[in-house]
Amino acid sequence: MPKQLEPVEMPDCLHYLWGWFCELSGGREYAEFGALPLTYSEIRAWAELTKTEPTAWEIETLKRIDRAYLTETNKK
């Protein structure tokens, strides 16, 4: 199994961030060359629609997860 497909342990206290990322990523836009990064505007709209109030740290963490996601998906 490729290393990037191996399961990774995640602390229980961060599972909600992964769920948020999956929700946001499910609504992401795509261009000719693949997935586009999540924007602050998209995160803000999601937060308003879901009545979620992410902290600055949580938003930065979502952006970091997104950068890692894009890095991996763009390798293909």
N, C-alpha and C. Protein backbone atom coordinates (compact mmCIF):
# COMPACT_ATOMS: atom_id res chain seq x y z
N MET A 1 0.85 -1.17 0.00
CA MET A 1 0.00 0.00 0.00
C MET A 1 0.90 1.24 0.00
N PRO A 2 0.60 2.22 -0.87
CA PRO A 2 1.40 3.45 -0.87
C PRO A 2 1.32 4.15 0.49
N LYS A 3 2.42 4.75 0.89
CA LYS A 3 2.50 5.39 2.21
C LYS A 3 1.39 6.42 2.41
N GLN A 4 1.07 7.22 1.37
CA GLN A 4 0.06 8.27 1.52
C GLN A 4 -1.35 7.72 1.73
N LEU A 5 -1.57 6.41 1.49
CA LEU A 5 -2.88 5.80 1.69
C LEU A 5 -2.99 5.07 3.02
N GLU A 6 -1.88 5.00 3.75
CA GLU A 6 -1.91 4.33 5.04
C GLU A 6 -2.68 5.19 6.04
N PRO A 7 -3.50 4.55 6.88
CA PRO A 7 -4.26 5.31 7.87
C PRO A 7 -3.33 6.05 8.83
N VAL A 8 -3.75 7.20 9.27
CA VAL A 8 -2.98 8.01 10.20
C VAL A 8 -3.80 8.19 11.47
N GLU A 9 -3.14 8.05 12.60
CA GLU A 9 -3.82 8.29 13.87
C GLU A 9 -4.04 9.78 14.04
N MET A 10 -5.24 10.13 14.47
CA MET A 10 -5.56 11.54 14.69
C MET A 10 -6.12 11.64 16.11
N PRO A 11 -5.63 12.60 16.86
CA PRO A 11 -6.19 12.77 18.21
C PRO A 11 -7.70 13.03 18.13
N ASP A 12 -8.44 12.46 19.05
CA ASP A 12 -9.90 12.63 19.06
C ASP A 12 -10.32 14.10 19.06
N CYS A 13 -9.51 14.93 19.69
CA CYS A 13 -9.88 16.34 19.80
C CYS A 13 -9.80 17.08 18.46
N LEU A 14 -9.26 16.44 17.42
CA LEU A 14 -9.16 17.09 16.10
C LEU A 14 -10.12 16.50 15.07
N HIS A 15 -10.88 15.49 15.43
CA HIS A 15 -11.79 14.87 14.46
C HIS A 15 -12.80 15.86 13.89
N TYR A 16 -13.26 16.80 14.69
CA TYR A 16 -14.23 17.77 14.20
C TYR A 16 -13.64 18.62 13.07
N LEU A 17 -12.33 18.93 13.14
CA LEU A 17 -11.70 19.72 12.07
C LEU A 17 -11.65 18.93 10.77
N TRP A 18 -11.40 17.65 10.86
CA TRP A 18 -11.40 16.81 9.67
C TRP A 18 -12.80 16.78 9.06
N GLY A 19 -13.81 16.69 9.91
CA GLY A 19 -15.20 16.74 9.42
C GLY A 19 -15.50 18.06 8.73
N TRP A 20 -15.06 19.17 9.33
CA TRP A 20 -15.25 20.48 8.70
C TRP A 20 -14.57 20.53 7.34
N PHE A 21 -13.32 20.03 7.30
CA PHE A 21 -12.59 20.04 6.04
C PHE A 21 -13.33 19.23 4.97
N CYS A 22 -13.83 18.07 5.35
CA CYS A 22 -14.55 17.23 4.38
C CYS A 22 -15.79 17.93 3.86
N GLU A 23 -16.53 18.62 4.73
CA GLU A 23 -17.70 19.38 4.30
C GLU A 23 -17.29 20.48 3.32
N LEU A 24 -16.27 21.24 3.67
CA LEU A 24 -15.80 22.33 2.81
C LEU A 24 -15.27 21.80 1.48
N SER A 25 -14.50 20.74 1.54
CA SER A 25 -13.89 20.18 0.34
C SER A 25 -14.95 19.62 -0.60
N GLY A 26 -16.04 19.11 -0.05
CA GLY A 26 -17.12 18.59 -0.87
C GLY A 26 -17.78 19.64 -1.73
N GLY A 27 -17.66 20.90 -1.34
CA GLY A 27 -18.24 21.99 -2.12
C GLY A 27 -17.22 22.81 -2.88
N ARG A 28 -15.99 22.32 -2.95
CA ARG A 28 -14.93 23.10 -3.58
C ARG A 28 -15.14 23.23 -5.08
N GLU A 29 -14.52 24.25 -5.66
CA GLU A 29 -14.58 24.47 -7.10
C GLU A 29 -13.37 23.82 -7.76
N TYR A 30 -13.56 23.50 -9.03
CA TYR A 30 -12.50 22.88 -9.84
C TYR A 30 -12.29 23.71 -11.09
N ALA A 31 -11.08 23.71 -11.57
CA ALA A 31 -10.73 24.39 -12.81
C ALA A 31 -10.17 23.35 -13.77
N GLU A 32 -9.72 23.80 -14.89
CA GLU A 32 -9.20 22.92 -15.93
C GLU A 32 -8.11 21.99 -15.42
N PHE A 33 -7.30 22.47 -14.50
CA PHE A 33 -6.16 21.69 -14.03
C PHE A 33 -6.37 21.05 -12.66
N GLY A 34 -7.59 21.04 -12.18
CA GLY A 34 -7.86 20.35 -10.93
C GLY A 34 -8.52 21.21 -9.87
N ALA A 35 -8.43 20.74 -8.64
CA ALA A 35 -9.08 21.39 -7.51
C ALA A 35 -8.47 22.75 -7.23
N LEU A 36 -9.33 23.68 -6.86
CA LEU A 36 -8.87 25.01 -6.45
C LEU A 36 -8.80 25.06 -4.93
N PRO A 37 -7.92 25.90 -4.39
CA PRO A 37 -7.82 26.01 -2.93
C PRO A 37 -9.12 26.57 -2.34
N LEU A 38 -9.40 26.16 -1.11
CA LEU A 38 -10.53 26.75 -0.40
C LEU A 38 -10.18 28.20 -0.09
N THR A 39 -11.14 29.08 -0.29
CA THR A 39 -10.90 30.50 -0.03
C THR A 39 -11.48 30.88 1.33
N TYR A 40 -11.02 32.01 1.83
CA TYR A 40 -11.58 32.51 3.09
C TYR A 40 -13.06 32.83 2.91
N SER A 41 -13.44 33.30 1.73
CA SER A 41 -14.85 33.59 1.47
C SER A 41 -15.70 32.32 1.54
N GLU A 42 -15.17 31.23 1.00
CA GLU A 42 -15.90 29.96 1.05
C GLU A 42 -16.02 29.46 2.49
N ILE A 43 -14.95 29.61 3.24
CA ILE A 43 -14.98 29.19 4.65
C ILE A 43 -15.98 30.04 5.41
N ARG A 44 -15.97 31.32 5.16
CA ARG A 44 -16.91 32.23 5.83
C ARG A 44 -18.36 31.88 5.49
N ALA A 45 -18.64 31.64 4.21
CA ALA A 45 -19.99 31.28 3.79
C ALA A 45 -20.42 29.97 4.45
N TRP A 46 -19.53 28.98 4.47
CA TRP A 46 -19.83 27.70 5.12
C TRP A 46 -20.13 27.92 6.60
N ALA A 47 -19.31 28.73 7.25
CA ALA A 47 -19.50 28.99 8.68
C ALA A 47 -20.86 29.64 8.94
N GLU A 48 -21.24 30.59 8.09
CA GLU A 48 -22.54 31.25 8.26
C GLU A 48 -23.69 30.28 8.03
N LEU A 49 -23.58 29.47 6.99
CA LEU A 49 -24.65 28.52 6.67
C LEU A 49 -24.81 27.43 7.73
N THR A 50 -23.71 27.02 8.32
CA THR A 50 -23.76 25.95 9.32
C THR A 50 -23.81 26.48 10.75
N LYS A 51 -23.84 27.80 10.86
CA LYS A 51 -23.85 28.45 12.19
C LYS A 51 -22.68 27.97 13.05
N THR A 52 -21.52 27.91 12.41
CA THR A 52 -20.28 27.51 13.05
C THR A 52 -19.41 28.76 13.22
N GLU A 53 -18.71 28.85 14.32
CA GLU A 53 -17.84 30.00 14.56
C GLU A 53 -16.40 29.53 14.76
N PRO A 54 -15.71 29.23 13.64
CA PRO A 54 -14.32 28.77 13.78
C PRO A 54 -13.41 29.89 14.29
N THR A 55 -12.45 29.50 15.09
CA THR A 55 -11.45 30.46 15.58
C THR A 55 -10.41 30.69 14.48
N ALA A 56 -9.58 31.69 14.68
CA ALA A 56 -8.50 31.96 13.72
C ALA A 56 -7.59 30.74 13.58
N TRP A 57 -7.30 30.08 14.70
CA TRP A 57 -6.46 28.88 14.66
C TRP A 57 -7.11 27.77 13.84
N GLU A 58 -8.42 27.57 14.02
CA GLU A 58 -9.12 26.53 13.27
C GLU A 58 -9.15 26.84 11.78
N ILE A 59 -9.32 28.10 11.43
CA ILE A 59 -9.31 28.49 10.01
C ILE A 59 -7.92 28.25 9.42
N GLU A 60 -6.89 28.64 10.13
CA GLU A 60 -5.52 28.41 9.64
C GLU A 60 -5.24 26.91 9.50
N THR A 61 -5.75 26.13 10.44
CA THR A 61 -5.56 24.68 10.36
C THR A 61 -6.30 24.11 9.15
N LEU A 62 -7.50 24.57 8.88
CA LEU A 62 -8.24 24.13 7.68
C LEU A 62 -7.47 24.49 6.42
N LYS A 63 -6.88 25.67 6.38
CA LYS A 63 -6.09 26.09 5.21
C LYS A 63 -4.85 25.20 5.06
N ARG A 64 -4.23 24.82 6.16
CA ARG A 64 -3.05 23.94 6.10
C ARG A 64 -3.43 22.54 5.61
N ILE A 65 -4.55 22.03 6.10
CA ILE A 65 -5.04 20.73 5.63
C ILE A 65 -5.31 20.82 4.13
N ASP A 66 -5.91 21.92 3.71
CA ASP A 66 -6.23 22.10 2.29
C ASP A 66 -4.96 22.14 1.44
N ARG A 67 -3.94 22.84 1.92
CA ARG A 67 -2.67 22.88 1.16
C ARG A 67 -2.08 21.49 1.02
N ALA A 68 -2.13 20.70 2.09
CA ALA A 68 -1.62 19.33 2.03
C ALA A 68 -2.45 18.50 1.06
N TYR A 69 -3.75 18.66 1.11
CA TYR A 69 -4.65 17.94 0.18
C TYR A 69 -4.32 18.29 -1.27
N LEU A 70 -4.17 19.57 -1.55
CA LEU A 70 -3.87 20.00 -2.92
C LEU A 70 -2.50 19.50 -3.37
N THR A 71 -1.54 19.53 -2.48
CA THR A 71 -0.20 19.03 -2.82
C THR A 71 -0.26 17.57 -3.23
N GLU A 72 -1.00 16.77 -2.49
CA GLU A 72 -1.11 15.34 -2.80
C GLU A 72 -1.91 15.10 -4.07
N THR A 73 -3.03 15.80 -4.23
CA THR A 73 -3.87 15.55 -5.40
C THR A 73 -3.20 16.07 -6.68
N ASN A 74 -2.36 17.08 -6.56
CA ASN A 74 -1.69 17.62 -7.76
C ASN A 74 -0.50 16.77 -8.20
N LYS A 75 -0.08 15.82 -7.36
CA LYS A 75 1.01 14.92 -7.75
C LYS A 75 0.55 13.92 -8.81
N LYS A 76 -0.76 13.72 -8.89
CA LYS A 76 -1.30 12.73 -9.82
C LYS A 76 -1.38 13.27 -11.21
